[in-house]
Protein backbone atom coordinates (compact mmCIF):
# COMPACT_ATOMS: atom_id res chain seq x y z
CA UNK A 1 0.06 0.01 0.00
CA UNK A 2 2.81 2.49 0.91
CA UNK A 3 4.70 1.56 -2.11
CA UNK A 4 1.62 2.26 -4.38
CA UNK A 5 1.26 5.84 -2.69
CA UNK A 6 4.76 6.52 -3.16
CA UNK A 7 4.71 5.54 -6.85
CA UNK A 8 1.43 7.59 -7.23
CA UNK A 9 2.95 10.58 -5.60
CA UNK A 10 6.16 10.36 -8.00
CA UNK A 11 3.75 9.99 -11.11
CA UNK A 12 2.04 13.31 -10.11
CA UNK A 13 5.06 15.13 -9.14
CA UNK A 14 7.58 14.27 -11.68
CA UNK A 15 5.82 15.69 -14.71
CA UNK A 16 5.71 19.24 -12.60
CA UNK A 17 9.37 18.75 -11.83
CA UNK A 18 10.35 17.91 -15.23
CA UNK A 19 8.15 21.09 -16.73
CA UNK A 20 10.12 23.37 -14.22
CA UNK A 21 13.48 22.11 -15.41
CA UNK A 22 12.78 22.16 -19.12
CA UNK A 23 11.28 25.81 -18.82
CA UNK A 24 14.53 26.85 -17.09
CA UNK A 25 16.87 25.36 -19.76
CA UNK A 26 14.56 25.78 -22.69
CA UNK A 27 16.76 27.03 -25.69
CA UNK A 28 13.71 28.13 -27.94
CA UNK A 29 10.88 30.42 -26.85
CA UNK A 30 9.57 30.83 -30.26
CA UNK A 31 5.97 31.86 -30.60
CA UNK A 32 5.85 33.27 -27.04
CA UNK A 33 5.61 36.90 -25.97
CA UNK A 34 8.88 38.14 -24.53
CA UNK A 35 9.02 40.36 -21.42
CA UNK A 36 8.56 44.04 -22.13
CA UNK A 37 11.25 45.22 -19.64
CA UNK A 38 14.20 43.31 -21.50
CA UNK A 39 13.27 44.33 -25.10
CA UNK A 40 15.99 46.33 -27.19
CA UNK A 41 14.45 48.11 -30.28
CA UNK A 42 16.55 47.57 -33.54
CA UNK A 43 17.25 50.27 -36.05
CA UNK A 44 18.90 49.91 -39.27
CA UNK A 45 22.52 50.76 -39.93
CA UNK A 46 24.80 51.39 -37.14
CA UNK A 47 26.77 50.60 -35.27
CA UNK A 48 24.63 51.36 -32.36
CA UNK A 49 25.36 50.90 -28.43
CA UNK A 50 23.97 47.80 -26.87
CA UNK A 51 23.35 47.67 -23.21
CA UNK A 52 21.24 45.00 -21.37
CA UNK A 53 21.43 44.44 -17.65
CA UNK A 54 19.78 42.32 -15.05
CA UNK A 55 20.76 41.57 -11.37
CA UNK A 56 22.89 38.64 -12.70
CA UNK A 57 24.52 39.92 -15.81
CA UNK A 58 25.39 42.72 -18.03
CA UNK A 59 25.57 42.54 -21.93
CA UNK A 60 27.45 45.53 -23.47
CA UNK A 61 28.77 46.26 -27.00
CA UNK A 62 27.37 47.29 -30.28
CA UNK A 63 24.92 46.17 -32.87
CA UNK A 64 24.75 46.65 -36.65
CA UNK A 65 21.78 45.90 -38.84
CA UNK A 66 22.04 45.83 -42.77
CA UNK A 67 18.96 44.09 -44.29
CA UNK A 68 18.30 40.78 -42.49
CA UNK A 69 21.94 40.74 -41.28
CA UNK A 70 22.61 41.64 -37.53
CA UNK A 71 26.21 41.91 -36.15
CA UNK A 72 26.31 41.58 -32.45
CA UNK A 73 29.69 42.57 -30.72
CA UNK A 74 30.30 42.92 -27.06
CA UNK A 75 30.90 41.41 -23.92
CA UNK A 76 29.14 39.53 -21.12
CA UNK A 77 29.82 40.33 -17.69
CA UNK A 78 28.68 38.81 -14.27
CA UNK A 79 27.23 41.13 -11.81
CA UNK A 80 29.12 41.31 -8.37
CA UNK A 81 26.97 38.87 -6.52
CA UNK A 82 27.96 36.06 -9.02
CA UNK A 83 31.43 37.50 -9.76
CA UNK A 84 32.50 36.74 -6.28
CA UNK A 85 32.48 32.85 -7.11
CA UNK A 86 35.44 32.35 -9.36
CA UNK A 87 34.41 29.16 -11.26
CA UNK A 88 31.87 29.09 -14.01
CA UNK A 89 30.50 25.65 -14.20
CA UNK A 90 28.36 26.53 -17.04
CA UNK A 91 26.46 29.40 -18.70
CA UNK A 92 24.48 30.02 -21.79
CA UNK A 93 23.19 33.40 -23.28
CA UNK A 94 20.66 33.42 -25.87
CA UNK A 95 19.36 36.13 -28.23
CA UNK A 96 15.67 36.20 -29.04
CA UNK A 97 14.52 38.24 -32.14
CA UNK A 98 10.94 39.87 -31.57
CA UNK A 99 8.28 41.08 -34.02
CA UNK A 100 6.32 44.19 -33.68
CA UNK A 101 3.99 42.70 -31.01
CA UNK A 102 6.97 41.25 -28.85
CA UNK A 103 6.54 37.80 -30.07
CA UNK A 104 9.75 35.77 -30.37
CA UNK A 105 10.28 34.64 -34.04
CA UNK A 106 13.69 33.13 -33.68
CA UNK A 107 16.06 32.20 -30.83
CA UNK A 108 19.91 31.70 -31.16
CA UNK A 109 22.77 30.86 -28.99
CA UNK A 110 24.77 34.14 -28.41
CA UNK A 111 27.56 33.20 -26.08
CA UNK A 112 28.39 29.91 -23.87
CA UNK A 113 31.05 29.16 -21.20
CA UNK A 114 31.57 25.40 -20.24
CA UNK A 115 34.00 25.08 -17.46
CA UNK A 116 32.54 22.45 -15.21
CA UNK A 117 34.42 24.22 -12.29
CA UNK A 118 37.82 23.01 -13.31
CA UNK A 119 40.61 25.10 -14.78
CA UNK A 120 38.44 25.93 -17.90
CA UNK A 121 35.87 27.28 -15.44
CA UNK A 122 38.15 30.03 -13.92
CA UNK A 123 37.29 33.42 -14.78
CA UNK A 124 40.70 34.25 -16.38
CA UNK A 125 40.29 31.28 -18.82
CA UNK A 126 36.74 32.45 -20.22
CA UNK A 127 36.62 34.71 -23.20
CA UNK A 128 33.79 36.87 -22.23
CA UNK A 129 33.58 38.58 -25.58
CA UNK A 130 31.13 37.75 -28.41
CA UNK A 131 31.34 38.69 -32.23
CA UNK A 132 28.32 37.06 -33.90
CA UNK A 133 26.45 37.56 -37.23
CA UNK A 134 22.80 36.31 -37.27
CA UNK A 135 20.25 36.35 -40.33
CA UNK A 136 16.98 37.92 -38.78
CA UNK A 137 13.63 36.98 -39.82
CA UNK A 138 11.88 39.62 -41.90
CA UNK A 139 9.38 40.60 -39.16
CA UNK A 140 12.27 41.33 -36.64
CA UNK A 141 11.79 44.82 -34.77
CA UNK A 142 13.68 44.18 -31.61
CA UNK A 143 15.53 41.78 -29.51
CA UNK A 144 15.75 40.12 -25.89
CA UNK A 145 18.04 37.98 -24.08
CA UNK A 146 17.95 34.97 -21.77
CA UNK A 147 20.53 32.95 -19.89
CA UNK A 148 21.28 30.13 -17.48
CA UNK A 149 24.27 29.08 -15.68
CA UNK A 150 26.03 28.09 -12.46
CA UNK A 151 28.95 29.57 -10.61
CA UNK A 152 30.80 28.15 -7.68
CA UNK A 153 33.62 28.80 -5.26
CA UNK A 154 35.61 25.72 -6.18
CA UNK A 155 35.58 22.91 -8.52
CA UNK A 156 33.28 20.85 -6.38
CA UNK A 157 30.31 19.47 -7.82
CA UNK A 158 26.66 20.60 -7.37
CA UNK A 159 23.68 18.77 -6.41
CA UNK A 160 21.59 20.22 -9.21
CA UNK A 161 19.07 22.06 -7.13
CA UNK A 162 17.93 25.65 -7.75
CA UNK A 163 19.55 28.58 -5.88
CA UNK A 164 22.26 28.11 -3.63
CA UNK A 165 23.69 24.54 -2.90
CA UNK A 166 26.62 23.13 -0.96
CA UNK A 167 28.25 19.69 -1.93
CA UNK A 168 31.69 18.32 -1.01
CA UNK A 169 32.79 21.84 0.28
CA UNK A 170 31.66 23.69 -2.70
CA UNK A 171 29.17 26.46 -2.86
CA UNK A 172 27.22 27.00 -6.19
CA UNK A 173 24.68 29.37 -7.45
CA UNK A 174 22.29 28.47 -10.23
CA UNK A 175 20.97 31.68 -11.92
CA UNK A 176 18.70 32.24 -14.90
CA UNK A 177 16.21 34.61 -16.65
CA UNK A 178 13.75 33.87 -19.52
CA UNK A 179 13.06 36.22 -22.28
């Protein structure tokens, strides 16, 4: 009886847990409306300054748009609350192209850091710069960003939980933002 209740509980809880995980690490939000507060209007020509900031990261640089080509050049920087932990286990930044109503029409990887806490994850081994060219769909009027990552104080492993975790003497912070 207890075993069947446990199994039933797992059957009911597992889809919710998986849904939350896939939402956080989703790489495409195409067809969804982006948050208003993170939108960056795009103009033809350029280069124009690009600056986008959250409580986790700053994206700064320039963009230049010629027809359907968009060049994004700049740098990703961690905010001080994350920068205090020297190891980047992993981090992904995506750019989302939006139509006039703010609907995401295309999603692309802008920048990635994969260190897994070892020497490759040390801040001074990561190239924080990006220089990318994208083909934007015709209805693109603005862009937005999303990201997810984990930073830690040493090369220990994380328990995979959200927020702050401690395993084997290592403290890690998971952080993310949807578009």
